C-alpha cells in the first residue's frame, strides 16, 4: 500500500499549505483561454495565438484553463486593435505550474529489507532498510515564458512495529525507529554496532508486521521566482515479519 500526501510548507506563492495530492506522471496540457461575448457567444483561443476573430475594441470576459481548471482569475479585457491578445500574468499562473510539476513526481513505494530476512531472534540486532533507486526526484512544468520545477529529496524512513494480529503482546508493539535517508543496508563482516538503523526485538515468539514510511521534502524553483518550500510527501508499505524465540536443552550424561 502506498499513501501519498503533502503536509506543511508555506513557500507556494499566493496560497497556504498545499493539500494532499495523489501523485501521477502526466505531461502538462496547454493552457486555453475562453472569451465570453456580451451576447453569450464564445470563442476559444489557445495561448500564444496571435489572431482572433473578435472585433477590436470589444470588451469581453476572459477565463484561462488547463485540464478544465481555471488557472487565472476571471477578468474583463478589451480586444486590442492589433497584435496578440494579452497573455495571463506569469506570476498568476506560477502557482498552477508548481502544482503541475509536483503532481508529476512519482514517489516510489518503499521496498523494506529487514535483515535477517523474514524472521529474527530476540535480542539479535536486526538491520532496517528501505533502499530507493534515487534519493532525489524532480519534474518540470512550463508554458511560454514561465517554468516551474518541483524537487523531492528523501529525508528519513520510519519503521513502525505493529502488534501481532494473533499473538502475545510485546514491548516492541507500536515502537517506531526513525532513520536518516533510507535506513541501513546490511553489510556482511560488519559489526552490528555499526548499523545506523537497527532494532533488537524482544520475546515472545510472534508473527507481526512492520510499516515502513519514507518522508520526502518538496521544494520548488522557477525562472521568475527563487522558489520555496512545499512541505513533505510520504509513501508507505507494510511487510510481515516474525520473531522466533529459540530454546535450548542441556543434557548431562
Protein backbone atom coordinates (compact mmCIF):
# COMPACT_ATOMS: atom_id res chain seq x y z
CA UNK A 1 0.00 0.00 0.00
CA UNK A 2 1.22 3.47 -0.77
CA UNK A 3 -0.23 6.66 0.64
CA UNK A 4 0.98 9.98 -0.57
CA UNK A 5 0.20 13.45 0.70
CA UNK A 6 1.72 16.86 1.20
CA UNK A 7 1.95 18.50 4.60
CA UNK A 8 3.31 21.82 5.76
CA UNK A 9 5.17 24.26 3.55
CA UNK A 10 4.48 27.95 3.11
CA UNK A 11 6.57 28.91 0.10
CA UNK A 12 3.84 28.48 -2.50
CA UNK A 13 3.10 31.91 -3.99
CA UNK A 14 -0.47 33.01 -3.50
CA UNK A 15 -1.53 30.12 -1.30
CA UNK A 16 -1.12 28.47 2.06
CA UNK A 17 -0.02 24.91 2.71
CA UNK A 18 -0.87 22.66 -0.24
CA UNK A 19 -3.48 19.97 0.27
CA UNK A 20 -2.83 16.25 0.00
CA UNK A 21 -2.14 15.24 -3.56
CA UNK A 22 -2.19 11.93 -5.43
CA UNK A 23 0.95 11.73 -7.47
CA UNK A 24 0.85 10.83 -11.12
CA UNK A 25 3.16 11.24 -14.07
CA UNK A 26 1.43 13.12 -16.89
CA UNK A 27 2.54 15.63 -19.49
CA UNK A 28 1.44 19.21 -18.98
CA UNK A 29 -1.52 20.15 -21.17
CA UNK A 30 -1.64 23.55 -22.89
CA UNK A 31 -3.49 26.47 -21.36
CA UNK A 32 -6.50 27.76 -23.30
CA UNK A 33 -8.48 30.96 -22.83
CA UNK A 34 -12.24 31.31 -23.34
CA UNK A 35 -13.74 34.70 -24.17
CA UNK A 36 -17.39 35.33 -23.31
CA UNK A 37 -19.08 37.89 -25.54
CA UNK A 38 -21.93 40.19 -24.45
CA UNK A 39 -24.40 38.15 -26.49
CA UNK A 40 -23.23 34.93 -24.73
CA UNK A 41 -21.36 33.58 -27.77
CA UNK A 42 -17.94 32.05 -27.02
CA UNK A 43 -14.66 31.70 -28.85
CA UNK A 44 -11.74 29.57 -27.64
CA UNK A 45 -8.21 30.79 -28.24
CA UNK A 46 -5.01 28.93 -27.33
CA UNK A 47 -2.30 30.86 -25.53
CA UNK A 48 0.28 32.20 -27.99
CA UNK A 49 -2.16 32.52 -30.89
CA UNK A 50 -1.70 35.99 -32.38
CA UNK A 51 -5.01 36.21 -34.19
CA UNK A 52 -8.63 36.46 -33.07
CA UNK A 53 -11.97 36.70 -34.76
CA UNK A 54 -13.24 39.03 -32.08
CA UNK A 55 -13.84 42.66 -33.00
CA UNK A 56 -11.03 45.05 -31.88
CA UNK A 57 -12.18 47.26 -29.03
CA UNK A 58 -14.78 44.75 -27.87
CA UNK A 59 -14.89 44.22 -24.11
CA UNK A 60 -15.05 40.51 -23.24
CA UNK A 61 -14.84 38.28 -20.19
CA UNK A 62 -11.78 36.01 -20.20
CA UNK A 63 -11.09 32.79 -18.24
CA UNK A 64 -7.99 30.66 -18.89
CA UNK A 65 -7.95 26.92 -18.18
CA UNK A 66 -5.70 23.87 -18.05
CA UNK A 67 -7.45 20.48 -17.98
CA UNK A 68 -10.75 22.31 -17.43
CA UNK A 69 -9.50 24.02 -14.27
CA UNK A 70 -9.17 27.84 -14.20
CA UNK A 71 -5.54 28.94 -13.80
CA UNK A 72 -6.11 32.70 -13.67
CA UNK A 73 -8.66 34.98 -12.04
CA UNK A 74 -11.53 35.70 -14.47
CA UNK A 75 -11.32 39.24 -15.77
CA UNK A 76 -12.76 41.63 -18.35
CA UNK A 77 -10.34 42.65 -21.12
CA UNK A 78 -10.58 44.76 -24.26
CA UNK A 79 -9.60 43.10 -27.56
CA UNK A 80 -6.63 45.13 -28.92
CA UNK A 81 -6.75 46.78 -32.31
CA UNK A 82 -3.71 44.83 -33.45
CA UNK A 83 -1.26 42.25 -32.15
CA UNK A 84 -1.77 39.30 -29.86
CA UNK A 85 -4.38 39.03 -27.17
CA UNK A 86 -2.75 39.83 -23.83
CA UNK A 87 -1.43 36.70 -22.13
CA UNK A 88 -2.24 35.96 -18.49
CA UNK A 89 0.12 37.39 -15.89
CA UNK A 90 3.02 34.89 -15.46
CA UNK A 91 3.01 35.41 -11.69
CA UNK A 92 -0.68 34.47 -11.58
CA UNK A 93 -0.02 31.22 -13.48
CA UNK A 94 3.03 30.20 -11.42
CA UNK A 95 1.12 28.52 -8.53
CA UNK A 96 -0.66 26.26 -11.02
CA UNK A 97 2.63 25.35 -12.70
CA UNK A 98 4.17 24.49 -9.33
CA UNK A 99 1.27 22.13 -8.59
CA UNK A 100 1.56 20.63 -12.08
CA UNK A 101 5.27 19.96 -11.55
CA UNK A 102 4.70 18.45 -8.09
CA UNK A 103 1.91 16.22 -9.42
CA UNK A 104 4.34 14.74 -11.96
CA UNK A 105 6.66 13.48 -9.21
CA UNK A 106 6.27 9.73 -8.78
CA UNK A 107 7.19 8.92 -5.19
CA UNK A 108 8.35 5.26 -5.10
CA UNK A 109 6.74 2.71 -2.82
CA UNK A 110 9.17 1.65 -0.09
CA UNK A 111 10.76 -1.79 -0.54
CA UNK A 112 11.61 -2.84 3.03
CA UNK A 113 14.61 -5.11 3.51
CA UNK A 114 14.96 -6.33 7.08
CA UNK A 115 17.98 -8.44 7.89
CA UNK A 116 17.81 -11.24 8.94
CA UNK A 117 15.19 -11.55 6.18
CA UNK A 118 11.76 -12.93 7.01
CA UNK A 119 12.36 -13.54 10.70
CA UNK A 120 14.73 -12.66 13.51
CA UNK A 121 15.69 -13.81 17.00
CA UNK A 122 15.06 -11.94 20.25
CA UNK A 123 17.94 -9.65 21.22
CA UNK A 124 19.60 -10.11 17.83
CA UNK A 125 20.35 -6.83 16.08
CA UNK A 126 18.02 -6.57 13.06
CA UNK A 127 19.12 -4.18 10.32
CA UNK A 128 16.36 -1.97 8.88
CA UNK A 129 16.47 -0.67 5.32
CA UNK A 130 14.18 0.56 2.53
CA UNK A 131 16.52 1.10 -0.45
CA UNK A 132 15.50 3.63 -3.09
CA UNK A 133 16.53 3.92 -6.76
CA UNK A 134 17.37 7.57 -6.06
CA UNK A 135 17.25 9.99 -3.16
CA UNK A 136 16.26 12.99 -5.33
CA UNK A 137 13.38 13.34 -7.82
CA UNK A 138 12.45 16.35 -9.97
CA UNK A 139 9.81 17.32 -12.52
CA UNK A 140 9.14 20.47 -14.54
CA UNK A 141 6.01 22.18 -15.88
CA UNK A 142 6.19 25.04 -18.35
CA UNK A 143 4.26 27.43 -20.56
CA UNK A 144 5.85 30.02 -22.86
CA UNK A 145 7.97 32.27 -20.66
CA UNK A 146 7.32 30.53 -17.32
CA UNK A 147 8.92 27.35 -15.94
CA UNK A 148 8.47 25.72 -12.53
CA UNK A 149 10.45 22.75 -11.20
CA UNK A 150 9.48 20.65 -8.17
CA UNK A 151 12.13 18.59 -6.37
CA UNK A 152 11.62 15.82 -3.80
CA UNK A 153 14.52 14.80 -1.53
CA UNK A 154 14.42 11.71 0.69
CA UNK A 155 14.89 12.82 4.30
CA UNK A 156 14.07 9.89 6.59
CA UNK A 157 12.41 6.49 6.92
CA UNK A 158 10.20 5.34 9.81
CA UNK A 159 9.91 1.64 10.74
CA UNK A 160 6.85 1.02 12.96
CA UNK A 161 6.41 -2.38 14.64
CA UNK A 162 2.73 -3.31 14.69
CA UNK A 163 1.22 -5.64 17.31
CA UNK A 164 0.77 -9.27 16.32
CA UNK A 165 -2.70 -9.94 14.92
CA UNK A 166 -2.92 -13.25 16.79
CA UNK A 167 -0.26 -13.50 19.44
CA UNK A 168 1.07 -12.18 22.72
CA UNK A 169 1.80 -8.53 23.36
CA UNK A 170 5.35 -7.24 23.43
CA UNK A 171 7.33 -4.18 24.45
CA UNK A 172 8.04 -3.76 20.73
CA UNK A 173 4.39 -3.03 19.92
CA UNK A 174 3.89 0.44 18.39
CA UNK A 175 7.62 1.15 18.55
CA UNK A 176 8.86 3.41 15.73
CA UNK A 177 12.51 3.53 14.69
CA UNK A 178 13.33 6.69 12.69
CA UNK A 179 16.41 6.57 10.49
CA UNK A 180 18.08 9.12 8.21
CA UNK A 181 17.75 8.51 4.49
CA UNK A 182 16.50 5.03 3.55
CA UNK A 183 17.91 3.22 6.60
CA UNK A 184 20.92 0.93 6.86
CA UNK A 185 21.66 -1.80 4.32
CA UNK A 186 23.12 -4.98 5.82
CA UNK A 187 26.82 -5.34 5.22
CA UNK A 188 28.45 -8.71 5.93
CA UNK A 189 31.58 -8.74 8.05
CA UNK A 190 30.47 -5.51 9.73
CA UNK A 191 29.73 -5.46 13.43
CA UNK A 192 26.09 -4.87 14.31
CA UNK A 193 27.05 -1.88 16.40
CA UNK A 194 27.95 -0.01 13.23
CA UNK A 195 24.42 -0.11 11.86
CA UNK A 196 22.82 3.34 11.77
CA UNK A 197 19.31 1.84 11.59
CA UNK A 198 18.57 -1.27 13.64
CA UNK A 199 16.36 -2.76 16.35
CA UNK A 200 16.56 -5.63 18.82
CA UNK A 201 13.22 -7.41 19.11
CA UNK A 202 12.15 -8.87 22.45
CA UNK A 203 10.44 -12.13 23.32
CA UNK A 204 7.99 -13.85 22.90
CA UNK A 205 7.61 -15.66 19.57
CA UNK A 206 5.03 -13.92 17.36
CA UNK A 207 4.10 -13.01 13.79
CA UNK A 208 3.77 -9.27 13.26
CA UNK A 209 4.03 -6.61 10.58
CA UNK A 210 6.33 -3.65 10.10
CA UNK A 211 5.02 -0.47 8.47
CA UNK A 212 7.69 1.48 6.60
CA UNK A 213 7.12 5.16 5.80
CA UNK A 214 9.51 7.25 3.71
CA UNK A 215 9.45 11.03 4.13
CA UNK A 216 10.37 13.24 1.16
CA UNK A 217 10.87 17.00 1.39
CA UNK A 218 9.45 19.04 -1.52
CA UNK A 219 10.77 22.36 -2.80
CA UNK A 220 10.17 24.37 -5.95
CA UNK A 221 12.07 26.83 -8.15
CA UNK A 222 11.10 28.94 -11.16
CA UNK A 223 12.72 31.14 -13.77
CA UNK A 224 10.64 34.07 -12.44
CA UNK A 225 10.90 33.34 -8.70
CA UNK A 226 13.69 31.92 -6.50
CA UNK A 227 11.35 29.25 -5.12
CA UNK A 228 10.13 27.95 -1.79
CA UNK A 229 9.06 25.05 0.42
CA UNK A 230 6.19 22.67 -0.39
CA UNK A 231 6.31 20.62 2.80
CA UNK A 232 6.64 16.83 2.78
CA UNK A 233 5.37 13.81 0.85
CA UNK A 234 5.18 10.34 2.38
CA UNK A 235 4.93 6.83 0.93
CA UNK A 236 4.05 3.74 2.99
CA UNK A 237 4.37 -0.03 2.71
CA UNK A 238 3.71 -2.82 5.23
CA UNK A 239 5.55 -6.18 5.34
CA UNK A 240 5.16 -9.32 7.51
CA UNK A 241 7.94 -10.28 9.94
CA UNK A 242 8.42 -12.99 12.55
CA UNK A 243 10.20 -13.03 15.89
CA UNK A 244 11.21 -16.60 16.69
CA UNK A 245 12.25 -17.43 20.23
CA UNK A 246 14.62 -20.40 20.41
CA UNK A 247 15.01 -22.73 23.34
CA UNK A 248 17.95 -24.89 24.33
CA UNK A 249 18.12 -28.17 26.12
CA UNK A 250 21.10 -29.12 28.30
CA UNK A 251 21.68 -32.84 28.69
CA UNK A 252 24.04 -34.44 31.13
CA UNK A 253 25.33 -37.96 30.80
